[in-house]
PDB file of N, CA and C in Angstrom:
ATOM      1  N   UNK A   1     -17.476  -3.660   0.868  1.00  0.00           N
ATOM      2  CA  UNK A   1     -17.785  -4.420  -0.312  1.00  0.00           C
ATOM      3  C   UNK A   1     -18.236  -5.817   0.123  1.00  0.00           C
ATOM      4  N   UNK A   2     -19.247  -6.328  -0.527  1.00  0.00           N
ATOM      5  CA  UNK A   2     -19.783  -7.627  -0.160  1.00  0.00           C
ATOM      6  C   UNK A   2     -19.328  -8.699  -1.136  1.00  0.00           C
ATOM      7  N   UNK A   3     -19.194  -9.893  -0.645  1.00  0.00           N
ATOM      8  CA  UNK A   3     -18.865 -11.052  -1.466  1.00  0.00           C
ATOM      9  C   UNK A   3     -19.866 -12.144  -1.150  1.00  0.00           C
ATOM     10  N   UNK A   4     -19.988 -13.089  -2.060  1.00  0.00           N
ATOM     11  CA  UNK A   4     -20.907 -14.213  -1.816  1.00  0.00           C
ATOM     12  C   UNK A   4     -20.229 -15.262  -0.980  1.00  0.00           C
ATOM     13  N   UNK A   5     -20.988 -15.843  -0.095  1.00  0.00           N
ATOM     14  CA  UNK A   5     -20.509 -16.981   0.669  1.00  0.00           C
ATOM     15  C   UNK A   5     -20.494 -18.172  -0.281  1.00  0.00           C
ATOM     16  N   UNK A   6     -19.512 -19.047  -0.217  1.00  0.00           N
ATOM     17  CA  UNK A   6     -19.468 -20.192  -1.134  1.00  0.00           C
ATOM     18  C   UNK A   6     -20.742 -21.030  -1.020  1.00  0.00           C
ATOM     19  N   UNK A   7     -21.246 -21.484  -2.168  1.00  0.00           N
ATOM     20  CA  UNK A   7     -22.460 -22.300  -2.210  1.00  0.00           C
ATOM     21  C   UNK A   7     -22.128 -23.756  -1.888  1.00  0.00           C
ATOM     22  N   UNK A   8     -23.001 -24.402  -1.148  1.00  0.00           N
ATOM     23  CA  UNK A   8     -22.827 -25.847  -0.971  1.00  0.00           C
ATOM     24  C   UNK A   8     -22.984 -26.545  -2.312  1.00  0.00           C
ATOM     25  N   UNK A   9     -22.288 -27.659  -2.497  1.00  0.00           N
ATOM     26  CA  UNK A   9     -22.397 -28.378  -3.765  1.00  0.00           C
ATOM     27  C   UNK A   9     -23.833 -28.818  -3.989  1.00  0.00           C
ATOM     28  N   UNK A  10     -24.250 -28.698  -5.222  1.00  0.00           N
ATOM     29  CA  UNK A  10     -25.600 -29.104  -5.571  1.00  0.00           C
ATOM     30  C   UNK A  10     -26.612 -27.988  -5.447  1.00  0.00           C
ATOM     31  N   UNK A  11     -26.257 -26.850  -4.884  1.00  0.00           N
ATOM     32  CA  UNK A  11     -27.211 -25.745  -4.767  1.00  0.00           C
ATOM     33  C   UNK A  11     -27.251 -25.017  -6.104  1.00  0.00           C
ATOM     34  N   UNK A  12     -28.434 -24.746  -6.563  1.00  0.00           N
ATOM     35  CA  UNK A  12     -28.654 -24.140  -7.867  1.00  0.00           C
ATOM     36  C   UNK A  12     -28.370 -22.638  -7.815  1.00  0.00           C
ATOM     37  N   UNK A  13     -27.882 -22.069  -8.917  1.00  0.00           N
ATOM     38  CA  UNK A  13     -27.616 -20.632  -9.002  1.00  0.00           C
ATOM     39  C   UNK A  13     -28.886 -19.819  -8.795  1.00  0.00           C
ATOM     40  N   UNK A  14     -30.047 -20.380  -9.072  1.00  0.00           N
ATOM     41  CA  UNK A  14     -31.310 -19.654  -8.953  1.00  0.00           C
ATOM     42  C   UNK A  14     -31.793 -19.523  -7.516  1.00  0.00           C
ATOM     43  N   UNK A  15     -31.191 -20.221  -6.570  1.00  0.00           N
ATOM     44  CA  UNK A  15     -31.606 -20.160  -5.166  1.00  0.00           C
ATOM     45  C   UNK A  15     -30.999 -18.932  -4.487  1.00  0.00           C
ATOM     46  N   UNK A  16     -31.236 -17.758  -5.028  1.00  0.00           N
ATOM     47  CA  UNK A  16     -30.608 -16.523  -4.563  1.00  0.00           C
ATOM     48  C   UNK A  16     -31.015 -16.164  -3.145  1.00  0.00           C
ATOM     49  N   UNK A  17     -32.276 -16.416  -2.767  1.00  0.00           N
ATOM     50  CA  UNK A  17     -32.711 -15.982  -1.435  1.00  0.00           C
ATOM     51  C   UNK A  17     -32.057 -16.782  -0.310  1.00  0.00           C
ATOM     52  N   UNK A  18     -31.503 -17.954  -0.605  1.00  0.00           N
ATOM     53  CA  UNK A  18     -30.858 -18.744   0.433  1.00  0.00           C
ATOM     54  C   UNK A  18     -29.357 -18.490   0.526  1.00  0.00           C
ATOM     55  N   UNK A  19     -28.824 -17.616  -0.313  1.00  0.00           N
ATOM     56  CA  UNK A  19     -27.397 -17.328  -0.309  1.00  0.00           C
ATOM     57  C   UNK A  19     -27.130 -16.182   0.670  1.00  0.00           C
ATOM     58  N   UNK A  20     -26.230 -16.419   1.623  1.00  0.00           N
ATOM     59  CA  UNK A  20     -25.859 -15.382   2.573  1.00  0.00           C
ATOM     60  C   UNK A  20     -24.785 -14.496   1.959  1.00  0.00           C
ATOM     61  N   UNK A  21     -24.830 -13.243   2.313  1.00  0.00           N
ATOM     62  CA  UNK A  21     -23.789 -12.304   1.880  1.00  0.00           C
ATOM     63  C   UNK A  21     -22.841 -12.076   3.050  1.00  0.00           C
ATOM     64  N   UNK A  22     -21.538 -12.091   2.774  1.00  0.00           N
ATOM     65  CA  UNK A  22     -20.541 -11.869   3.819  1.00  0.00           C
ATOM     66  C   UNK A  22     -19.713 -10.652   3.462  1.00  0.00           C
ATOM     67  N   UNK A  23     -19.196  -9.972   4.469  1.00  0.00           N
ATOM     68  CA  UNK A  23     -18.369  -8.793   4.282  1.00  0.00           C
ATOM     69  C   UNK A  23     -16.940  -9.222   3.975  1.00  0.00           C
ATOM     70  N   UNK A  24     -16.333  -8.626   2.912  1.00  0.00           N
ATOM     71  CA  UNK A  24     -14.943  -8.919   2.613  1.00  0.00           C
ATOM     72  C   UNK A  24     -14.068  -8.316   3.699  1.00  0.00           C
ATOM     73  N   UNK A  25     -12.902  -8.914   3.980  1.00  0.00           N
ATOM     74  CA  UNK A  25     -12.030  -8.354   5.019  1.00  0.00           C
ATOM     75  C   UNK A  25     -11.577  -6.938   4.647  1.00  0.00           C
ATOM     76  N   UNK A  26     -11.532  -6.064   5.647  1.00  0.00           N
ATOM     77  CA  UNK A  26     -11.134  -4.685   5.435  1.00  0.00           C
ATOM     78  C   UNK A  26      -9.613  -4.584   5.405  1.00  0.00           C
ATOM     79  N   UNK A  27      -9.088  -3.837   4.445  1.00  0.00           N
ATOM     80  CA  UNK A  27      -7.645  -3.646   4.348  1.00  0.00           C
ATOM     81  C   UNK A  27      -7.262  -2.522   5.299  1.00  0.00           C
ATOM     82  N   UNK A  28      -6.307  -2.792   6.159  1.00  0.00           N
ATOM     83  CA  UNK A  28      -5.844  -1.778   7.099  1.00  0.00           C
ATOM     84  C   UNK A  28      -4.537  -1.194   6.593  1.00  0.00           C
ATOM     85  N   UNK A  29      -4.447   0.130   6.603  1.00  0.00           N
ATOM     86  CA  UNK A  29      -3.242   0.814   6.160  1.00  0.00           C
ATOM     87  C   UNK A  29      -2.293   0.908   7.346  1.00  0.00           C
ATOM     88  N   UNK A  30      -1.048   0.385   7.211  1.00  0.00           N
ATOM     89  CA  UNK A  30      -0.131   0.348   8.354  1.00  0.00           C
ATOM     90  C   UNK A  30       0.307   1.739   8.808  1.00  0.00           C
ATOM     91  N   UNK A  31       0.672   1.821  10.079  1.00  0.00           N
ATOM     92  CA  UNK A  31       1.190   3.045  10.681  1.00  0.00           C
ATOM     93  C   UNK A  31       2.676   2.828  10.967  1.00  0.00           C
ATOM     94  N   UNK A  32       3.501   3.757  10.522  1.00  0.00           N
ATOM     95  CA  UNK A  32       4.945   3.683  10.737  1.00  0.00           C
ATOM     96  C   UNK A  32       5.311   4.703  11.803  1.00  0.00           C
ATOM     97  N   UNK A  33       5.970   4.256  12.862  1.00  0.00           N
ATOM     98  CA  UNK A  33       6.424   5.150  13.937  1.00  0.00           C
ATOM     99  C   UNK A  33       7.885   5.523  13.663  1.00  0.00           C
ATOM    100  N   UNK A  34       8.201   6.787  13.879  1.00  0.00           N
ATOM    101  CA  UNK A  34       9.557   7.271  13.624  1.00  0.00           C
ATOM    102  C   UNK A  34      10.187   7.758  14.919  1.00  0.00           C
ATOM    103  N   UNK A  35      11.503   7.881  14.918  1.00  0.00           N
ATOM    104  CA  UNK A  35      12.204   8.430  16.079  1.00  0.00           C
ATOM    105  C   UNK A  35      13.147   9.527  15.602  1.00  0.00           C
ATOM    106  N   UNK A  36      13.451  10.458  16.495  1.00  0.00           N
ATOM    107  CA  UNK A  36      14.370  11.557  16.172  1.00  0.00           C
ATOM    108  C   UNK A  36      15.754  10.993  15.868  1.00  0.00           C
ATOM    109  N   UNK A  37      16.279  11.354  14.714  1.00  0.00           N
ATOM    110  CA  UNK A  37      17.638  10.958  14.367  1.00  0.00           C
ATOM    111  C   UNK A  37      18.112  11.836  13.210  1.00  0.00           C
ATOM    112  N   UNK A  38      19.410  12.039  13.114  1.00  0.00           N
ATOM    113  CA  UNK A  38      19.913  12.884  12.022  1.00  0.00           C
ATOM    114  C   UNK A  38      19.713  12.198  10.673  1.00  0.00           C
ATOM    115  N   UNK A  39      19.450  12.998   9.657  1.00  0.00           N
ATOM    116  CA  UNK A  39      19.275  12.448   8.309  1.00  0.00           C
ATOM    117  C   UNK A  39      20.637  12.331   7.643  1.00  0.00           C
ATOM    118  N   UNK A  40      21.042  11.098   7.381  1.00  0.00           N
ATOM    119  CA  UNK A  40      22.350  10.854   6.766  1.00  0.00           C
ATOM    120  C   UNK A  40      22.218  10.207   5.394  1.00  0.00           C
ATOM    121  N   UNK A  41      21.003   9.972   4.932  1.00  0.00           N
ATOM    122  CA  UNK A  41      20.845   9.289   3.649  1.00  0.00           C
ATOM    123  C   UNK A  41      20.882  10.298   2.500  1.00  0.00           C
ATOM    124  N   UNK A  42      21.206   9.796   1.332  1.00  0.00           N
ATOM    125  CA  UNK A  42      21.210  10.605   0.123  1.00  0.00           C
ATOM    126  C   UNK A  42      20.291   9.934  -0.890  1.00  0.00           C
ATOM    127  N   UNK A  43      19.304  10.687  -1.386  1.00  0.00           N
ATOM    128  CA  UNK A  43      18.349  10.158  -2.364  1.00  0.00           C
ATOM    129  C   UNK A  43      18.992  10.178  -3.747  1.00  0.00           C
ATOM    130  N   UNK A  44      18.941   9.049  -4.421  1.00  0.00           N
ATOM    131  CA  UNK A  44      19.471   8.931  -5.783  1.00  0.00           C
ATOM    132  C   UNK A  44      18.338   9.133  -6.786  1.00  0.00           C
ATOM    133  N   UNK A  45      17.175   8.516  -6.519  1.00  0.00           N
ATOM    134  CA  UNK A  45      15.998   8.631  -7.385  1.00  0.00           C
ATOM    135  C   UNK A  45      14.753   8.616  -6.514  1.00  0.00           C
ATOM    136  N   UNK A  46      13.850   9.576  -6.741  1.00  0.00           N
ATOM    137  CA  UNK A  46      12.618   9.627  -5.953  1.00  0.00           C
ATOM    138  C   UNK A  46      11.590   8.599  -6.418  1.00  0.00           C
ATOM    139  N   UNK A  47      11.744   8.044  -7.610  1.00  0.00           N
ATOM    140  CA  UNK A  47      10.836   7.023  -8.101  1.00  0.00           C
ATOM    141  C   UNK A  47       9.523   7.593  -8.603  1.00  0.00           C
ATOM    142  N   UNK A  48       8.515   6.740  -8.674  1.00  0.00           N
ATOM    143  CA  UNK A  48       7.203   7.140  -9.184  1.00  0.00           C
ATOM    144  C   UNK A  48       6.112   6.478  -8.353  1.00  0.00           C
ATOM    145  N   UNK A  49       4.912   7.037  -8.416  1.00  0.00           N
ATOM    146  CA  UNK A  49       3.773   6.514  -7.673  1.00  0.00           C
ATOM    147  C   UNK A  49       3.073   5.440  -8.512  1.00  0.00           C
ATOM    148  N   UNK A  50       2.873   4.272  -7.942  1.00  0.00           N
ATOM    149  CA  UNK A  50       2.188   3.173  -8.625  1.00  0.00           C
ATOM    150  C   UNK A  50       0.688   3.430  -8.547  1.00  0.00           C
ATOM    151  N   UNK A  51       0.004   3.366  -9.687  1.00  0.00           N
ATOM    152  CA  UNK A  51      -1.448   3.563  -9.722  1.00  0.00           C
ATOM    153  C   UNK A  51      -2.099   2.458 -10.551  1.00  0.00           C
ATOM    154  N   UNK A  52      -3.379   2.237 -10.281  1.00  0.00           N
ATOM    155  CA  UNK A  52      -4.173   1.274 -11.043  1.00  0.00           C
ATOM    156  C   UNK A  52      -5.480   1.956 -11.446  1.00  0.00           C
ATOM    157  N   UNK A  53      -6.096   1.536 -12.555  1.00  0.00           N
ATOM    158  CA  UNK A  53      -7.375   2.136 -12.947  1.00  0.00           C
ATOM    159  C   UNK A  53      -8.502   1.644 -12.039  1.00  0.00           C
ATOM    160  N   UNK A  54      -9.440   2.536 -11.748  1.00  0.00           N
ATOM    161  CA  UNK A  54     -10.608   2.183 -10.932  1.00  0.00           C
ATOM    162  C   UNK A  54     -11.837   2.855 -11.533  1.00  0.00           C
ATOM    163  N   UNK A  55     -12.940   2.138 -11.555  1.00  0.00           N
ATOM    164  CA  UNK A  55     -14.179   2.703 -12.088  1.00  0.00           C
ATOM    165  C   UNK A  55     -14.806   3.642 -11.064  1.00  0.00           C
ATOM    166  N   UNK A  56     -15.578   4.590 -11.558  1.00  0.00           N
ATOM    167  CA  UNK A  56     -16.285   5.532 -10.692  1.00  0.00           C
ATOM    168  C   UNK A  56     -17.782   5.284 -10.811  1.00  0.00           C
ATOM    169  N   UNK A  57     -18.560   6.098 -10.126  1.00  0.00           N
ATOM    170  CA  UNK A  57     -20.013   5.972 -10.205  1.00  0.00           C
ATOM    171  C   UNK A  57     -20.563   6.425 -11.554  1.00  0.00           C
ATOM    172  N   UNK A  58     -19.783   7.193 -12.291  1.00  0.00           N
ATOM    173  CA  UNK A  58     -20.207   7.678 -13.606  1.00  0.00           C
ATOM    174  C   UNK A  58     -19.826   6.625 -14.643  1.00  0.00           C
ATOM    175  N   UNK A  59     -20.796   6.101 -15.397  1.00  0.00           N
ATOM    176  CA  UNK A  59     -20.496   5.058 -16.390  1.00  0.00           C
ATOM    177  C   UNK A  59     -19.454   5.532 -17.408  1.00  0.00           C
ATOM    178  N   UNK A  60     -18.475   4.685 -17.662  1.00  0.00           N
ATOM    179  CA  UNK A  60     -17.441   4.984 -18.638  1.00  0.00           C
ATOM    180  C   UNK A  60     -16.287   5.806 -18.100  1.00  0.00           C
ATOM    181  N   UNK A  61     -16.424   6.388 -16.914  1.00  0.00           N
ATOM    182  CA  UNK A  61     -15.343   7.193 -16.345  1.00  0.00           C
ATOM    183  C   UNK A  61     -14.427   6.304 -15.512  1.00  0.00           C
ATOM    184  N   UNK A  62     -13.139   6.443 -15.734  1.00  0.00           N
ATOM    185  CA  UNK A  62     -12.144   5.673 -14.989  1.00  0.00           C
ATOM    186  C   UNK A  62     -11.142   6.648 -14.393  1.00  0.00           C
ATOM    187  N   UNK A  63     -10.782   6.430 -13.131  1.00  0.00           N
ATOM    188  CA  UNK A  63      -9.759   7.249 -12.486  1.00  0.00           C
ATOM    189  C   UNK A  63      -8.650   6.329 -12.016  1.00  0.00           C
ATOM    190  N   UNK A  64      -7.516   6.900 -11.677  1.00  0.00           N
ATOM    191  CA  UNK A  64      -6.410   6.095 -11.188  1.00  0.00           C
ATOM    192  C   UNK A  64      -6.291   6.273  -9.677  1.00  0.00           C
ATOM    193  N   UNK A  65      -5.993   5.170  -8.986  1.00  0.00           N
ATOM    194  CA  UNK A  65      -5.845   5.183  -7.531  1.00  0.00           C
ATOM    195  C   UNK A  65      -4.575   4.425  -7.166  1.00  0.00           C
ATOM    196  N   UNK A  66      -4.054   4.731  -5.993  1.00  0.00           N
ATOM    197  CA  UNK A  66      -2.886   4.016  -5.464  1.00  0.00           C
ATOM    198  C   UNK A  66      -3.387   2.763  -4.748  1.00  0.00           C
ATOM    199  N   UNK A  67      -2.852   1.573  -5.053  1.00  0.00           N
ATOM    200  CA  UNK A  67      -3.275   0.357  -4.347  1.00  0.00           C
ATOM    201  C   UNK A  67      -2.965   0.470  -2.851  1.00  0.00           C
ATOM    202  N   UNK A  68      -3.806  -0.121  -2.021  1.00  0.00           N
ATOM    203  CA  UNK A  68      -3.638  -0.047  -0.567  1.00  0.00           C
ATOM    204  C   UNK A  68      -2.306  -0.609  -0.091  1.00  0.00           C
ATOM    205  N   UNK A  69      -1.739  -1.587  -0.797  1.00  0.00           N
ATOM    206  CA  UNK A  69      -0.469  -2.171  -0.356  1.00  0.00           C
ATOM    207  C   UNK A  69       0.695  -1.181  -0.458  1.00  0.00           C
ATOM    208  N   UNK A  70       0.511  -0.084  -1.190  1.00  0.00           N
ATOM    209  CA  UNK A  70       1.543   0.947  -1.306  1.00  0.00           C
ATOM    210  C   UNK A  70       1.307   2.117  -0.354  1.00  0.00           C
ATOM    211  N   UNK A  71       0.260   2.068   0.461  1.00  0.00           N
ATOM    212  CA  UNK A  71      -0.065   3.171   1.363  1.00  0.00           C
ATOM    213  C   UNK A  71       0.409   2.874   2.786  1.00  0.00           C
ATOM    214  N   UNK A  72       0.761   3.939   3.513  1.00  0.00           N
ATOM    215  CA  UNK A  72       1.039   3.838   4.939  1.00  0.00           C
ATOM    216  C   UNK A  72       0.763   5.191   5.572  1.00  0.00           C
ATOM    217  N   UNK A  73       0.773   5.247   6.883  1.00  0.00           N
ATOM    218  CA  UNK A  73       0.558   6.485   7.622  1.00  0.00           C
ATOM    219  C   UNK A  73       1.725   6.679   8.590  1.00  0.00           C
ATOM    220  N   UNK A  74       2.047   7.938   8.862  1.00  0.00           N
ATOM    221  CA  UNK A  74       3.121   8.203   9.818  1.00  0.00           C
ATOM    222  C   UNK A  74       2.872   9.529  10.525  1.00  0.00           C
ATOM    223  N   UNK A  75       3.384   9.689  11.745  1.00  0.00           N
ATOM    224  CA  UNK A  75       3.289  10.976  12.427  1.00  0.00           C
ATOM    225  C   UNK A  75       4.500  11.835  12.049  1.00  0.00           C
ATOM    226  N   UNK A  76       4.311  12.975  11.366  1.00  0.00           N
ATOM    227  CA  UNK A  76       5.457  13.789  10.974  1.00  0.00           C
ATOM    228  C   UNK A  76       6.195  14.400  12.167  1.00  0.00           C
ATOM    229  N   UNK A  77       5.489  14.572  13.282  1.00  0.00           N
ATOM    230  CA  UNK A  77       6.107  15.086  14.502  1.00  0.00           C
ATOM    231  C   UNK A  77       6.057  13.961  15.541  1.00  0.00           C
ATOM    232  N   UNK A  78       7.205  13.368  15.897  1.00  0.00           N
ATOM    233  CA  UNK A  78       7.198  12.224  16.821  1.00  0.00           C
ATOM    234  C   UNK A  78       6.553  12.523  18.176  1.00  0.00           C
ATOM    235  N   UNK A  79       6.568  13.790  18.601  1.00  0.00           N
ATOM    236  CA  UNK A  79       5.963  14.143  19.894  1.00  0.00           C
ATOM    237  C   UNK A  79       4.440  14.082  19.860  1.00  0.00           C
ATOM    238  N   UNK A  80       3.843  14.064  18.657  1.00  0.00           N
ATOM    239  CA  UNK A  80       2.380  13.986  18.512  1.00  0.00           C
ATOM    240  C   UNK A  80       2.059  12.720  17.704  1.00  0.00           C
ATOM    241  N   UNK A  81       2.128  11.541  18.330  1.00  0.00           N
ATOM    242  CA  UNK A  81       1.990  10.289  17.581  1.00  0.00           C
ATOM    243  C   UNK A  81       0.589  10.029  17.016  1.00  0.00           C
ATOM    244  N   UNK A  82      -0.428  10.726  17.508  1.00  0.00           N
ATOM    245  CA  UNK A  82      -1.784  10.491  16.998  1.00  0.00           C
ATOM    246  C   UNK A  82      -2.122  11.344  15.781  1.00  0.00           C
ATOM    247  N   UNK A  83      -1.269  12.297  15.416  1.00  0.00           N
ATOM    248  CA  UNK A  83      -1.474  13.149  14.247  1.00  0.00           C
ATOM    249  C   UNK A  83      -0.846  12.454  13.043  1.00  0.00           C
ATOM    250  N   UNK A  84      -1.624  11.631  12.351  1.00  0.00           N
ATOM    251  CA  UNK A  84      -1.099  10.805  11.266  1.00  0.00           C
ATOM    252  C   UNK A  84      -1.313  11.459   9.908  1.00  0.00           C
ATOM    253  N   UNK A  85      -0.353  11.262   9.018  1.00  0.00           N
ATOM    254  CA  UNK A  85      -0.388  11.798   7.668  1.00  0.00           C
ATOM    255  C   UNK A  85      -0.310  10.621   6.699  1.00  0.00           C
ATOM    256  N   UNK A  86      -1.169  10.584   5.657  1.00  0.00           N
ATOM    257  CA  UNK A  86      -1.074   9.490   4.683  1.00  0.00           C
ATOM    258  C   UNK A  86       0.156   9.654   3.799  1.00  0.00           C
ATOM    259  N   UNK A  87       0.725   8.532   3.386  1.00  0.00           N
ATOM    260  CA  UNK A  87       1.911   8.544   2.530  1.00  0.00           C
ATOM    261  C   UNK A  87       1.868   7.338   1.593  1.00  0.00           C
ATOM    262  N   UNK A  88       2.746   7.362   0.586  1.00  0.00           N
ATOM    263  CA  UNK A  88       2.791   6.317  -0.430  1.00  0.00           C
ATOM    264  C   UNK A  88       4.228   5.825  -0.588  1.00  0.00           C
ATOM    265  N   UNK A  89       4.403   4.519  -0.723  1.00  0.00           N
ATOM    266  CA  UNK A  89       5.714   3.929  -1.011  1.00  0.00           C
ATOM    267  C   UNK A  89       5.928   4.036  -2.520  1.00  0.00           C
ATOM    268  N   UNK A  90       6.948   4.774  -2.965  1.00  0.00           N
ATOM    269  CA  UNK A  90       7.171   4.896  -4.409  1.00  0.00           C
ATOM    270  C   UNK A  90       7.902   3.678  -4.960  1.00  0.00           C
ATOM    271  N   UNK A  91       7.674   3.376  -6.231  1.00  0.00           N
ATOM    272  CA  UNK A  91       8.455   2.348  -6.916  1.00  0.00           C
ATOM    273  C   UNK A  91       9.658   3.034  -7.551  1.00  0.00           C
ATOM    274  N   UNK A  92      10.763   2.333  -7.655  1.00  0.00           N
ATOM    275  CA  UNK A  92      12.012   2.836  -8.220  1.00  0.00           C
ATOM    276  C   UNK A  92      12.640   3.946  -7.374  1.00  0.00           C
ATOM    277  N   UNK A  93      12.335   3.965  -6.074  1.00  0.00           N
ATOM    278  CA  UNK A  93      13.016   4.870  -5.147  1.00  0.00           C
ATOM    279  C   UNK A  93      14.382   4.270  -4.858  1.00  0.00           C
ATOM    280  N   UNK A  94      15.423   5.104  -4.897  1.00  0.00           N
ATOM    281  CA  UNK A  94      16.783   4.631  -4.615  1.00  0.00           C
ATOM    282  C   UNK A  94      17.474   5.634  -3.703  1.00  0.00           C
ATOM    283  N   UNK A  95      18.148   5.127  -2.679  1.00  0.00           N
ATOM    284  CA  UNK A  95      18.875   5.980  -1.743  1.00  0.00           C
ATOM    285  C   UNK A  95      20.094   5.221  -1.231  1.00  0.00           C
ATOM    286  N   UNK A  96      21.006   5.961  -0.646  1.00  0.00           N
ATOM    287  CA  UNK A  96      22.187   5.367  -0.041  1.00  0.00           C
ATOM    288  C   UNK A  96      22.459   6.032   1.294  1.00  0.00           C
ATOM    289  N   UNK A  97      22.985   5.267   2.244  1.00  0.00           N
ATOM    290  CA  UNK A  97      23.340   5.804   3.553  1.00  0.00           C
ATOM    291  C   UNK A  97      24.722   5.272   3.923  1.00  0.00           C
ATOM    292  N   UNK A  98      25.566   6.166   4.429  1.00  0.00           N
ATOM    293  CA  UNK A  98      26.908   5.755   4.831  1.00  0.00           C
ATOM    294  C   UNK A  98      26.878   5.167   6.228  1.00  0.00           C
ATOM    295  N   UNK A  99      27.437   3.978   6.365  1.00  0.00           N
ATOM    296  CA  UNK A  99      27.563   3.302   7.655  1.00  0.00           C
ATOM    297  C   UNK A  99      29.021   2.904   7.791  1.00  0.00           C
ATOM    298  N   UNK A 100      29.692   3.461   8.799  1.00  0.00           N
ATOM    299  CA  UNK A 100      31.133   3.264   8.990  1.00  0.00           C
ATOM    300  C   UNK A 100      31.863   3.703   7.715  1.00  0.00           C
ATOM    301  N   UNK A 101      32.545   2.804   7.050  1.00  0.00           N
ATOM    302  CA  UNK A 101      33.291   3.155   5.828  1.00  0.00           C
ATOM    303  C   UNK A 101      32.608   2.658   4.563  1.00  0.00           C
ATOM    304  N   UNK A 102      31.348   2.288   4.658  1.00  0.00           N
ATOM    305  CA  UNK A 102      30.634   1.682   3.542  1.00  0.00           C
ATOM    306  C   UNK A 102      29.327   2.415   3.272  1.00  0.00           C
ATOM    307  N   UNK A 103      28.876   2.401   2.031  1.00  0.00           N
ATOM    308  CA  UNK A 103      27.569   2.952   1.681  1.00  0.00           C
ATOM    309  C   UNK A 103      26.611   1.792   1.425  1.00  0.00           C
ATOM    310  N   UNK A 104      25.471   1.809   2.093  1.00  0.00           N
ATOM    311  CA  UNK A 104      24.430   0.803   1.878  1.00  0.00           C
ATOM    312  C   UNK A 104      23.387   1.428   0.969  1.00  0.00           C
ATOM    313  N   UNK A 105      23.045   0.726  -0.115  1.00  0.00           N
ATOM    314  CA  UNK A 105      22.063   1.221  -1.069  1.00  0.00           C
ATOM    315  C   UNK A 105      20.732   0.519  -0.841  1.00  0.00           C
ATOM    316  N   UNK A 106      19.647   1.267  -1.011  1.00  0.00           N
ATOM    317  CA  UNK A 106      18.289   0.782  -0.793  1.00  0.00           C
ATOM    318  C   UNK A 106      17.458   1.125  -2.015  1.00  0.00           C
ATOM    319  N   UNK A 107      16.616   0.174  -2.448  1.00  0.00           N
ATOM    320  CA  UNK A 107      15.776   0.402  -3.621  1.00  0.00           C
ATOM    321  C   UNK A 107      14.408  -0.244  -3.410  1.00  0.00           C
ATOM    322  N   UNK A 108      13.368   0.430  -3.892  1.00  0.00           N
ATOM    323  CA  UNK A 108      12.036  -0.177  -3.938  1.00  0.00           C
ATOM    324  C   UNK A 108      11.690  -0.387  -5.410  1.00  0.00           C
ATOM    325  N   UNK A 109      10.870  -1.384  -5.662  1.00  0.00           N
ATOM    326  CA  UNK A 109      10.397  -1.589  -7.034  1.00  0.00           C
ATOM    327  C   UNK A 109       8.990  -2.149  -7.004  1.00  0.00           C
ATOM    328  N   UNK A 110       8.327  -2.060  -8.137  1.00  0.00           N
ATOM    329  CA  UNK A 110       6.948  -2.516  -8.266  1.00  0.00           C
ATOM    330  C   UNK A 110       6.935  -4.032  -8.392  1.00  0.00           C
ATOM    331  N   UNK A 111       6.231  -4.699  -7.464  1.00  0.00           N
ATOM    332  CA  UNK A 111       6.146  -6.151  -7.489  1.00  0.00           C
ATOM    333  C   UNK A 111       4.748  -6.614  -7.876  1.00  0.00           C
ATOM    334  N   UNK A 112       4.584  -7.917  -8.012  1.00  0.00           N
ATOM    335  CA  UNK A 112       3.283  -8.479  -8.382  1.00  0.00           C
ATOM    336  C   UNK A 112       2.252  -8.315  -7.271  1.00  0.00           C
ATOM    337  N   UNK A 113       2.681  -8.410  -6.007  1.00  0.00           N
ATOM    338  CA  UNK A 113       1.757  -8.337  -4.874  1.00  0.00           C
ATOM    339  C   UNK A 113       1.995  -7.124  -3.990  1.00  0.00           C
ATOM    340  N   UNK A 114       2.697  -6.126  -4.481  1.00  0.00           N
ATOM    341  CA  UNK A 114       2.994  -4.937  -3.690  1.00  0.00           C
ATOM    342  C   UNK A 114       4.446  -4.551  -3.866  1.00  0.00           C
ATOM    343  N   UNK A 115       4.915  -3.583  -3.074  1.00  0.00           N
ATOM    344  CA  UNK A 115       6.296  -3.123  -3.241  1.00  0.00           C
ATOM    345  C   UNK A 115       7.309  -4.189  -2.849  1.00  0.00           C
ATOM    346  N   UNK A 116       8.416  -4.193  -3.560  1.00  0.00           N
ATOM    347  CA  UNK A 116       9.533  -5.076  -3.242  1.00  0.00           C
ATOM    348  C   UNK A 116      10.713  -4.203  -2.852  1.00  0.00           C
ATOM    349  N   UNK A 117      11.551  -4.708  -1.956  1.00  0.00           N
ATOM    350  CA  UNK A 117      12.668  -3.944  -1.413  1.00  0.00           C
ATOM    351  C   UNK A 117      13.972  -4.683  -1.676  1.00  0.00           C
ATOM    352  N   UNK A 118      15.004  -3.917  -2.068  1.00  0.00           N
ATOM    353  CA  UNK A 118      16.330  -4.499  -2.257  1.00  0.00           C
ATOM    354  C   UNK A 118      17.355  -3.605  -1.582  1.00  0.00           C
ATOM    355  N   UNK A 119      18.398  -4.208  -1.082  1.00  0.00           N
ATOM    356  CA  UNK A 119      19.492  -3.440  -0.503  1.00  0.00           C
ATOM    357  C   UNK A 119      20.808  -4.124  -0.850  1.00  0.00           C
ATOM    358  N   UNK A 120      21.859  -3.321  -0.896  1.00  0.00           N
ATOM    359  CA  UNK A 120      23.185  -3.849  -1.232  1.00  0.00           C
ATOM    360  C   UNK A 120      24.250  -3.041  -0.518  1.00  0.00           C
TER     361      UNK A 120
END
């Protein structure tokens, strides 16, 4: 996607041929590496997928997409780290894991700039 380079002060909007076009920064989807370990957590709520409306090439048609800040990639088999699978961070996901004599609770929620995380 292209964006306009900021105009110098005093340059008229009609001077289109002198305006340079610059490439917007590309959003990179993070990769999460996992290690073999026993699953000790208990899911309380799986949550929901956050989506936003996006226009398509067909006029008037709108589809829903997951924002990039909620996406990540991971290797489902740790022995094959280059085999990545796309995944989504759900909002309102809740889980608990027992550590020693205590249960630690973890929650995700929908934030203004991406997912927010809470633990107790």
